Amino acid sequence: MPREFYRCDRVADAIQRELSVLINDSLRDPRIGMVSVTEVRVSRDLSNSKVYVSFVSSHSDFQVNIAMSALDGATGYLRKLMAANMNLRVMPKIRFIHDNSVAKSLEMAALIDRAISSNSSVVSPEES
C-alpha cells in the first residue's frame, strides 16, 4: 500500500502552522500588518520552502512590496525561531511569495454579482 502523505507534505504543514503563529506574534514590524500564510511548499530534499502569504487588509501594490521586503528581511530570524520550536535536522530556507488569489476571488465575485444584477434589470421580450 503506497504512503498517502510524503514527509515534505507533513513538514510543509508544520511550517505553515508555526510560521502563522510566529509572524503574527513575534514580528513587531508595522510594515507587515496582518499576514495569513495560505500555503507552504517544501522541496523533496527539505532544503527550500516557498511560503505563500496574503495580507488581511487590502494593500496597494506599493504597500505589498514594502511588506514583502520586510518579510524577506525577517527570514533569518523566523528560521531561527522555527528551528528552536521544530524538531528538524535541517531547517528549510524560506522564500516568501505574495498570494493574491483572495483578492482575485473577491474581484470575480463582484463581477458575477454585477453581471447578475445587470441581467435582472434587462427585461426579456417574452416576459413583457
C-alpha atoms as a PDB file:
ATOM      1  CA  MET A   1       0.000   0.000   0.000  1.00  0.00           C
ATOM      2  CA  PRO A   2       1.530   3.390  -1.016  1.00  0.00           C
ATOM      3  CA  ARG A   3       2.103   6.089   1.534  1.00  0.00           C
ATOM      4  CA  GLU A   4      -0.593   8.726   1.497  1.00  0.00           C
ATOM      5  CA  PHE A   5       1.498  11.598   2.815  1.00  0.00           C
ATOM      6  CA  TYR A   6       5.056  12.365   1.928  1.00  0.00           C
ATOM      7  CA  ARG A   7       7.414  13.736   4.525  1.00  0.00           C
ATOM      8  CA  CYS A   8       7.758  17.035   2.657  1.00  0.00           C
ATOM      9  CA  ASP A   9       3.968  17.494   2.907  1.00  0.00           C
ATOM     10  CA  ARG A  10       3.999  16.905   6.659  1.00  0.00           C
ATOM     11  CA  VAL A  11       6.916  19.298   7.094  1.00  0.00           C
ATOM     12  CA  ALA A  12       5.109  21.901   4.966  1.00  0.00           C
ATOM     13  CA  ASP A  13       2.028  21.665   7.189  1.00  0.00           C
ATOM     14  CA  ALA A  14       4.136  22.031  10.328  1.00  0.00           C
ATOM     15  CA  ILE A  15       5.984  25.024   8.872  1.00  0.00           C
ATOM     16  CA  GLN A  16       2.692  26.656   7.878  1.00  0.00           C
ATOM     17  CA  ARG A  17       1.281  26.306  11.403  1.00  0.00           C
ATOM     18  CA  GLU A  18       4.496  27.514  13.021  1.00  0.00           C
ATOM     19  CA  LEU A  19       5.008  30.473  10.679  1.00  0.00           C
ATOM     20  CA  SER A  20       1.413  31.618  11.071  1.00  0.00           C
ATOM     21  CA  VAL A  21       1.931  31.976  14.802  1.00  0.00           C
ATOM     22  CA  LEU A  22       5.456  33.392  14.621  1.00  0.00           C
ATOM     23  CA  ILE A  23       4.720  36.080  12.042  1.00  0.00           C
ATOM     24  CA  ASN A  24       1.700  37.418  13.886  1.00  0.00           C
ATOM     25  CA  ASP A  25       3.140  37.097  17.417  1.00  0.00           C
ATOM     26  CA  SER A  26       6.919  37.574  17.169  1.00  0.00           C
ATOM     27  CA  LEU A  27       7.337  40.124  14.399  1.00  0.00           C
ATOM     28  CA  ARG A  28       6.654  43.634  15.606  1.00  0.00           C
ATOM     29  CA  ASP A  29       7.224  45.347  12.246  1.00  0.00           C
ATOM     30  CA  PRO A  30       4.343  47.742  11.474  1.00  0.00           C
ATOM     31  CA  ARG A  31       5.070  47.488   7.731  1.00  0.00           C
ATOM     32  CA  ILE A  32       3.891  43.884   7.690  1.00  0.00           C
ATOM     33  CA  GLY A  33       0.479  44.177   9.327  1.00  0.00           C
ATOM     34  CA  MET A  34      -1.811  41.142   9.482  1.00  0.00           C
ATOM     35  CA  VAL A  35      -0.492  38.287   7.371  1.00  0.00           C
ATOM     36  CA  SER A  36      -2.127  34.991   6.529  1.00  0.00           C
ATOM     37  CA  VAL A  37       0.079  32.085   5.475  1.00  0.00           C
ATOM     38  CA  THR A  38      -2.030  30.456   2.771  1.00  0.00           C
ATOM     39  CA  GLU A  39       0.267  27.644   1.634  1.00  0.00           C
ATOM     40  CA  VAL A  40       3.757  26.233   2.115  1.00  0.00           C
ATOM     41  CA  ARG A  41       5.544  24.056  -0.415  1.00  0.00           C
ATOM     42  CA  VAL A  42       8.713  22.265   0.613  1.00  0.00           C
ATOM     43  CA  SER A  43      11.152  20.676  -1.825  1.00  0.00           C
ATOM     44  CA  ARG A  44      11.620  16.909  -1.677  1.00  0.00           C
ATOM     45  CA  ASP A  45      15.069  17.241  -0.121  1.00  0.00           C
ATOM     46  CA  LEU A  46      13.625  19.598   2.566  1.00  0.00           C
ATOM     47  CA  SER A  47      16.186  22.302   1.801  1.00  0.00           C
ATOM     48  CA  ASN A  48      13.900  25.004   0.385  1.00  0.00           C
ATOM     49  CA  SER A  49      10.385  26.161   1.065  1.00  0.00           C
ATOM     50  CA  LYS A  50       8.047  28.545  -0.718  1.00  0.00           C
ATOM     51  CA  VAL A  51       5.713  30.316   1.671  1.00  0.00           C
ATOM     52  CA  TYR A  52       2.644  31.915   0.081  1.00  0.00           C
ATOM     53  CA  VAL A  53       1.258  34.814   2.116  1.00  0.00           C
ATOM     54  CA  SER A  54      -1.705  37.131   1.731  1.00  0.00           C
ATOM     55  CA  PHE A  55      -2.440  40.303   3.611  1.00  0.00           C
ATOM     56  CA  VAL A  56      -5.680  40.609   5.546  1.00  0.00           C
ATOM     57  CA  SER A  57      -6.207  44.312   4.978  1.00  0.00           C
ATOM     58  CA  SER A  58      -6.374  45.479   1.393  1.00  0.00           C
ATOM     59  CA  HIS A  59      -2.952  46.760   0.409  1.00  0.00           C
ATOM     60  CA  SER A  60      -1.854  48.703  -2.620  1.00  0.00           C
ATOM     61  CA  ASP A  61       0.974  47.275  -4.707  1.00  0.00           C
ATOM     62  CA  PHE A  62       3.410  49.673  -3.037  1.00  0.00           C
ATOM     63  CA  GLN A  63       2.403  48.540   0.461  1.00  0.00           C
ATOM     64  CA  VAL A  64       2.587  44.877  -0.589  1.00  0.00           C
ATOM     65  CA  ASN A  65       6.131  45.386  -1.903  1.00  0.00           C
ATOM     66  CA  ILE A  66       7.179  47.065   1.358  1.00  0.00           C
ATOM     67  CA  ALA A  67       5.586  44.291   3.450  1.00  0.00           C
ATOM     68  CA  MET A  68       7.186  41.581   1.307  1.00  0.00           C
ATOM     69  CA  SER A  69      10.628  43.189   1.666  1.00  0.00           C
ATOM     70  CA  ALA A  70      10.090  43.355   5.446  1.00  0.00           C
ATOM     71  CA  LEU A  71       9.175  39.642   5.486  1.00  0.00           C
ATOM     72  CA  ASP A  72      12.201  38.814   3.351  1.00  0.00           C
ATOM     73  CA  GLY A  73      14.374  40.701   5.822  1.00  0.00           C
ATOM     74  CA  ALA A  74      12.982  38.667   8.724  1.00  0.00           C
ATOM     75  CA  THR A  75      13.578  35.230   7.173  1.00  0.00           C
ATOM     76  CA  GLY A  76      16.740  34.559   9.186  1.00  0.00           C
ATOM     77  CA  TYR A  77      15.030  35.480  12.446  1.00  0.00           C
ATOM     78  CA  LEU A  78      11.988  33.342  11.583  1.00  0.00           C
ATOM     79  CA  ARG A  79      14.184  30.384  10.620  1.00  0.00           C
ATOM     80  CA  LYS A  80      15.993  30.631  13.962  1.00  0.00           C
ATOM     81  CA  LEU A  81      12.710  30.682  15.894  1.00  0.00           C
ATOM     82  CA  MET A  82      11.303  27.772  13.879  1.00  0.00           C
ATOM     83  CA  ALA A  83      14.477  25.719  14.384  1.00  0.00           C
ATOM     84  CA  ALA A  84      14.128  26.179  18.139  1.00  0.00           C
ATOM     85  CA  ASN A  85      10.480  25.046  18.081  1.00  0.00           C
ATOM     86  CA  MET A  86      10.574  22.271  15.487  1.00  0.00           C
ATOM     87  CA  ASN A  87      12.492  19.017  15.647  1.00  0.00           C
ATOM     88  CA  LEU A  88      14.164  19.012  12.224  1.00  0.00           C
ATOM     89  CA  ARG A  89      17.757  18.226  11.393  1.00  0.00           C
ATOM     90  CA  VAL A  90      17.904  20.938   8.713  1.00  0.00           C
ATOM     91  CA  MET A  91      15.532  23.886   8.637  1.00  0.00           C
ATOM     92  CA  PRO A  92      14.436  24.695   5.064  1.00  0.00           C
ATOM     93  CA  LYS A  93      15.306  28.073   3.578  1.00  0.00           C
ATOM     94  CA  ILE A  94      12.255  30.321   3.384  1.00  0.00           C
ATOM     95  CA  ARG A  95      11.170  32.246   0.317  1.00  0.00           C
ATOM     96  CA  PHE A  96       8.054  34.398   0.691  1.00  0.00           C
ATOM     97  CA  ILE A  97       5.698  34.769  -2.280  1.00  0.00           C
ATOM     98  CA  HIS A  98       2.682  37.079  -2.350  1.00  0.00           C
ATOM     99  CA  ASP A  99      -0.550  35.147  -2.898  1.00  0.00           C
ATOM    100  CA  ASN A 100      -3.219  37.383  -4.390  1.00  0.00           C
ATOM    101  CA  SER A 101      -5.776  34.645  -5.016  1.00  0.00           C
ATOM    102  CA  VAL A 102      -8.061  36.002  -2.274  1.00  0.00           C
ATOM    103  CA  ALA A 103      -8.158  39.436  -3.915  1.00  0.00           C
ATOM    104  CA  LYS A 104      -8.739  37.856  -7.331  1.00  0.00           C
ATOM    105  CA  SER A 105     -11.622  35.755  -5.986  1.00  0.00           C
ATOM    106  CA  LEU A 106     -13.227  38.858  -4.440  1.00  0.00           C
ATOM    107  CA  GLU A 107     -12.932  40.653  -7.791  1.00  0.00           C
ATOM    108  CA  MET A 108     -14.518  37.703  -9.593  1.00  0.00           C
ATOM    109  CA  ALA A 109     -17.371  37.533  -7.076  1.00  0.00           C
ATOM    110  CA  ALA A 110     -18.008  41.257  -7.555  1.00  0.00           C
ATOM    111  CA  LEU A 111     -18.046  40.804 -11.346  1.00  0.00           C
ATOM    112  CA  ILE A 112     -20.507  37.918 -11.077  1.00  0.00           C
ATOM    113  CA  ASP A 113     -22.772  39.917  -8.754  1.00  0.00           C
ATOM    114  CA  ARG A 114     -22.633  42.885 -11.139  1.00  0.00           C
ATOM    115  CA  ALA A 115     -23.484  40.655 -14.114  1.00  0.00           C
ATOM    116  CA  ILE A 116     -26.420  39.070 -12.288  1.00  0.00           C
ATOM    117  CA  SER A 117     -27.811  42.443 -11.227  1.00  0.00           C
ATOM    118  CA  SER A 118     -27.463  43.898 -14.723  1.00  0.00           C
ATOM    119  CA  ASN A 119     -29.067  40.774 -16.207  1.00  0.00           C
ATOM    120  CA  SER A 120     -32.066  41.033 -13.898  1.00  0.00           C
ATOM    121  CA  SER A 121     -32.589  44.690 -14.806  1.00  0.00           C
ATOM    122  CA  VAL A 122     -32.876  43.847 -18.523  1.00  0.00           C
ATOM    123  CA  VAL A 123     -36.356  42.551 -19.293  1.00  0.00           C
ATOM    124  CA  SER A 124     -36.560  39.910 -21.976  1.00  0.00           C
ATOM    125  CA  PRO A 125     -39.275  40.190 -24.704  1.00  0.00           C
ATOM    126  CA  GLU A 126     -41.052  37.019 -23.512  1.00  0.00           C
ATOM    127  CA  GLU A 127     -41.651  38.493 -20.048  1.00  0.00           C
ATOM    128  CA  SER A 128     -43.351  41.708 -21.280  1.00  0.00           C
END
